[in-house]
Amino acid sequence: MPLFEKKQQLNQGGKLGKIPPPKDTSGFGGKPFITREGGVPWVRREGFQRTGLPPEEVVKHWNEATKDAPSGYVTPSWAEEKLRKLEGEYSRMTSFTPPDKIKEVKNQIKVLKGFLGKK
């Protein structure tokens, strides 16, 4: 809460309240990790809203993006690293790359960004 708003609240006779912590909008829900299978219900429920893809495609791209997760556990740091790798791969693609490969990588990036709560 900015200082100006605090002063206004005090001048109006109100008490300063605690600022609520920011809500975790990622698929982890405040957990330190999630299993690949544990992420599928979230991806089915909210993934298509964040990516604009059909639920079946979102699940397919989730499974493809997380297939090399260590021991089947997805952590925030691992997901961030995987997202950076996919974005790097996408930026290195040329006009000679097959369009379906480009679309697949782009959709995997969308799904991981949605899961991490990024825009």
C-alpha atoms as a PDB file:
ATOM      1  CA  MET A   1       0.000   0.000   0.000  1.00  0.00           C
ATOM      2  CA  PRO A   2       1.511   3.330  -1.029  1.00  0.00           C
ATOM      3  CA  LEU A   3       2.204   5.958   1.610  1.00  0.00           C
ATOM      4  CA  PHE A   4      -0.514   8.289   0.313  1.00  0.00           C
ATOM      5  CA  GLU A   5      -3.189   5.611   0.738  1.00  0.00           C
ATOM      6  CA  LYS A   6      -1.969   4.847   4.268  1.00  0.00           C
ATOM      7  CA  LYS A   7      -2.246   8.531   5.212  1.00  0.00           C
ATOM      8  CA  GLN A   8      -5.760   8.740   3.785  1.00  0.00           C
ATOM      9  CA  GLN A   9      -6.819   5.651   5.698  1.00  0.00           C
ATOM     10  CA  LEU A  10      -5.426   7.066   8.963  1.00  0.00           C
ATOM     11  CA  ASN A  11      -7.062  10.469   8.367  1.00  0.00           C
ATOM     12  CA  GLN A  12     -10.434   8.792   7.891  1.00  0.00           C
ATOM     13  CA  GLY A  13     -10.130   7.142  11.307  1.00  0.00           C
ATOM     14  CA  GLY A  14      -9.397   3.716   9.953  1.00  0.00           C
ATOM     15  CA  LYS A  15      -6.785   1.360  11.257  1.00  0.00           C
ATOM     16  CA  LEU A  16      -3.916   0.253   9.137  1.00  0.00           C
ATOM     17  CA  GLY A  17      -4.561  -3.273   8.046  1.00  0.00           C
ATOM     18  CA  LYS A  18      -2.038  -5.828   7.036  1.00  0.00           C
ATOM     19  CA  ILE A  19      -1.440  -6.173   3.344  1.00  0.00           C
ATOM     20  CA  PRO A  20      -2.542  -9.622   2.239  1.00  0.00           C
ATOM     21  CA  PRO A  21       0.176 -11.672   0.566  1.00  0.00           C
ATOM     22  CA  PRO A  22      -0.098 -11.913  -3.212  1.00  0.00           C
ATOM     23  CA  LYS A  23      -2.157 -14.856  -4.386  1.00  0.00           C
ATOM     24  CA  ASP A  24      -0.241 -17.644  -6.107  1.00  0.00           C
ATOM     25  CA  THR A  25      -1.711 -17.801  -9.603  1.00  0.00           C
ATOM     26  CA  SER A  26       0.556 -20.578 -10.805  1.00  0.00           C
ATOM     27  CA  GLY A  27      -0.403 -24.215 -11.097  1.00  0.00           C
ATOM     28  CA  PHE A  28       1.749 -25.045  -8.085  1.00  0.00           C
ATOM     29  CA  GLY A  29      -0.714 -23.451  -5.669  1.00  0.00           C
ATOM     30  CA  GLY A  30       2.004 -22.615  -3.148  1.00  0.00           C
ATOM     31  CA  LYS A  31       3.487 -26.123  -3.189  1.00  0.00           C
ATOM     32  CA  PRO A  32       7.232 -26.610  -3.703  1.00  0.00           C
ATOM     33  CA  PHE A  33       6.681 -29.174  -6.475  1.00  0.00           C
ATOM     34  CA  ILE A  34       3.991 -31.070  -8.336  1.00  0.00           C
ATOM     35  CA  THR A  35       4.043 -34.398 -10.150  1.00  0.00           C
ATOM     36  CA  ARG A  36       3.478 -34.541 -13.885  1.00  0.00           C
ATOM     37  CA  GLU A  37       0.206 -36.411 -13.319  1.00  0.00           C
ATOM     38  CA  GLY A  38      -0.770 -33.996 -10.550  1.00  0.00           C
ATOM     39  CA  GLY A  39      -0.508 -31.103 -12.994  1.00  0.00           C
ATOM     40  CA  VAL A  40      -2.898 -32.619 -15.536  1.00  0.00           C
ATOM     41  CA  PRO A  41      -6.146 -31.751 -13.645  1.00  0.00           C
ATOM     42  CA  TRP A  42      -5.022 -28.139 -13.305  1.00  0.00           C
ATOM     43  CA  VAL A  43      -4.014 -28.048 -16.955  1.00  0.00           C
ATOM     44  CA  ARG A  44      -7.406 -29.457 -17.995  1.00  0.00           C
ATOM     45  CA  ARG A  45      -9.314 -27.059 -15.749  1.00  0.00           C
ATOM     46  CA  GLU A  46      -7.457 -23.775 -16.286  1.00  0.00           C
ATOM     47  CA  GLY A  47      -4.853 -24.333 -18.966  1.00  0.00           C
ATOM     48  CA  PHE A  48      -7.182 -23.913 -21.895  1.00  0.00           C
ATOM     49  CA  GLN A  49      -8.431 -20.597 -20.486  1.00  0.00           C
ATOM     50  CA  ARG A  50      -4.910 -19.205 -20.234  1.00  0.00           C
ATOM     51  CA  THR A  51      -3.663 -20.517 -23.573  1.00  0.00           C
ATOM     52  CA  GLY A  52      -6.745 -20.465 -25.776  1.00  0.00           C
ATOM     53  CA  LEU A  53      -6.089 -24.052 -26.903  1.00  0.00           C
ATOM     54  CA  PRO A  54      -8.532 -26.970 -26.618  1.00  0.00           C
ATOM     55  CA  PRO A  55      -8.110 -28.972 -23.359  1.00  0.00           C
ATOM     56  CA  GLU A  56      -6.892 -32.093 -25.179  1.00  0.00           C
ATOM     57  CA  GLU A  57      -4.136 -30.120 -26.903  1.00  0.00           C
ATOM     58  CA  VAL A  58      -3.140 -28.411 -23.674  1.00  0.00           C
ATOM     59  CA  VAL A  59      -2.716 -31.789 -21.949  1.00  0.00           C
ATOM     60  CA  LYS A  60      -0.754 -33.122 -24.933  1.00  0.00           C
ATOM     61  CA  HIS A  61       1.627 -30.146 -24.849  1.00  0.00           C
ATOM     62  CA  TRP A  62       1.910 -30.345 -21.030  1.00  0.00           C
ATOM     63  CA  ASN A  63       2.956 -33.996 -21.276  1.00  0.00           C
ATOM     64  CA  GLU A  64       5.404 -33.208 -24.068  1.00  0.00           C
ATOM     65  CA  ALA A  65       6.942 -30.253 -22.209  1.00  0.00           C
ATOM     66  CA  THR A  66       7.323 -32.135 -18.909  1.00  0.00           C
ATOM     67  CA  LYS A  67       8.375 -35.544 -20.221  1.00  0.00           C
ATOM     68  CA  ASP A  68      11.980 -35.000 -19.113  1.00  0.00           C
ATOM     69  CA  ALA A  69      11.114 -33.735 -15.620  1.00  0.00           C
ATOM     70  CA  PRO A  70      13.483 -35.289 -13.047  1.00  0.00           C
ATOM     71  CA  SER A  71      11.754 -38.297 -11.438  1.00  0.00           C
ATOM     72  CA  GLY A  72       8.400 -36.987 -12.691  1.00  0.00           C
ATOM     73  CA  TYR A  73       8.428 -33.966 -10.358  1.00  0.00           C
ATOM     74  CA  VAL A  74       7.995 -30.465 -11.734  1.00  0.00           C
ATOM     75  CA  THR A  75       9.466 -27.695  -9.570  1.00  0.00           C
ATOM     76  CA  PRO A  76       9.162 -23.958 -10.235  1.00  0.00           C
ATOM     77  CA  SER A  77      12.883 -23.649 -10.916  1.00  0.00           C
ATOM     78  CA  TRP A  78      12.846 -26.605 -13.320  1.00  0.00           C
ATOM     79  CA  ALA A  79       9.808 -25.181 -15.135  1.00  0.00           C
ATOM     80  CA  GLU A  80      11.503 -21.770 -15.460  1.00  0.00           C
ATOM     81  CA  GLU A  81      14.619 -23.419 -16.872  1.00  0.00           C
ATOM     82  CA  LYS A  82      12.577 -25.510 -19.314  1.00  0.00           C
ATOM     83  CA  LEU A  83      10.711 -22.379 -20.415  1.00  0.00           C
ATOM     84  CA  ARG A  84      14.013 -20.584 -21.089  1.00  0.00           C
ATOM     85  CA  LYS A  85      15.256 -23.549 -23.124  1.00  0.00           C
ATOM     86  CA  LEU A  86      12.063 -23.668 -25.191  1.00  0.00           C
ATOM     87  CA  GLU A  87      12.170 -19.921 -25.805  1.00  0.00           C
ATOM     88  CA  GLY A  88      15.795 -20.236 -26.898  1.00  0.00           C
ATOM     89  CA  GLU A  89      14.905 -23.095 -29.217  1.00  0.00           C
ATOM     90  CA  TYR A  90      12.030 -21.041 -30.652  1.00  0.00           C
ATOM     91  CA  SER A  91      14.268 -18.036 -31.288  1.00  0.00           C
ATOM     92  CA  ARG A  92      16.809 -20.193 -33.149  1.00  0.00           C
ATOM     93  CA  MET A  93      14.214 -21.597 -35.545  1.00  0.00           C
ATOM     94  CA  THR A  94      14.536 -20.457 -39.131  1.00  0.00           C
ATOM     95  CA  SER A  95      12.206 -20.244 -42.086  1.00  0.00           C
ATOM     96  CA  PHE A  96      13.403 -23.718 -43.063  1.00  0.00           C
ATOM     97  CA  THR A  97      12.010 -25.256 -39.868  1.00  0.00           C
ATOM     98  CA  PRO A  98       8.769 -27.171 -40.505  1.00  0.00           C
ATOM     99  CA  PRO A  99       5.728 -25.096 -39.476  1.00  0.00           C
ATOM    100  CA  ASP A 100       4.294 -27.903 -37.346  1.00  0.00           C
ATOM    101  CA  LYS A 101       7.504 -28.004 -35.272  1.00  0.00           C
ATOM    102  CA  ILE A 102       7.350 -24.227 -34.773  1.00  0.00           C
ATOM    103  CA  LYS A 103       3.701 -24.447 -33.706  1.00  0.00           C
ATOM    104  CA  GLU A 104       4.443 -27.303 -31.296  1.00  0.00           C
ATOM    105  CA  VAL A 105       7.239 -25.404 -29.537  1.00  0.00           C
ATOM    106  CA  LYS A 106       5.150 -22.229 -29.423  1.00  0.00           C
ATOM    107  CA  ASN A 107       2.233 -24.094 -27.821  1.00  0.00           C
ATOM    108  CA  GLN A 108       4.536 -25.726 -25.259  1.00  0.00           C
ATOM    109  CA  ILE A 109       5.780 -22.262 -24.333  1.00  0.00           C
ATOM    110  CA  LYS A 110       2.171 -21.071 -23.934  1.00  0.00           C
ATOM    111  CA  VAL A 111       1.309 -24.000 -21.669  1.00  0.00           C
ATOM    112  CA  LEU A 112       4.362 -23.563 -19.432  1.00  0.00           C
ATOM    113  CA  LYS A 113       3.817 -19.808 -19.177  1.00  0.00           C
ATOM    114  CA  GLY A 114       0.190 -20.399 -18.241  1.00  0.00           C
ATOM    115  CA  PHE A 115       1.188 -22.969 -15.639  1.00  0.00           C
ATOM    116  CA  LEU A 116       3.751 -20.617 -14.136  1.00  0.00           C
ATOM    117  CA  GLY A 117       1.194 -17.781 -14.040  1.00  0.00           C
ATOM    118  CA  LYS A 118       3.033 -15.564 -16.499  1.00  0.00           C
ATOM    119  CA  LYS A 119       1.525 -13.603 -19.339  1.00  0.00           C
END
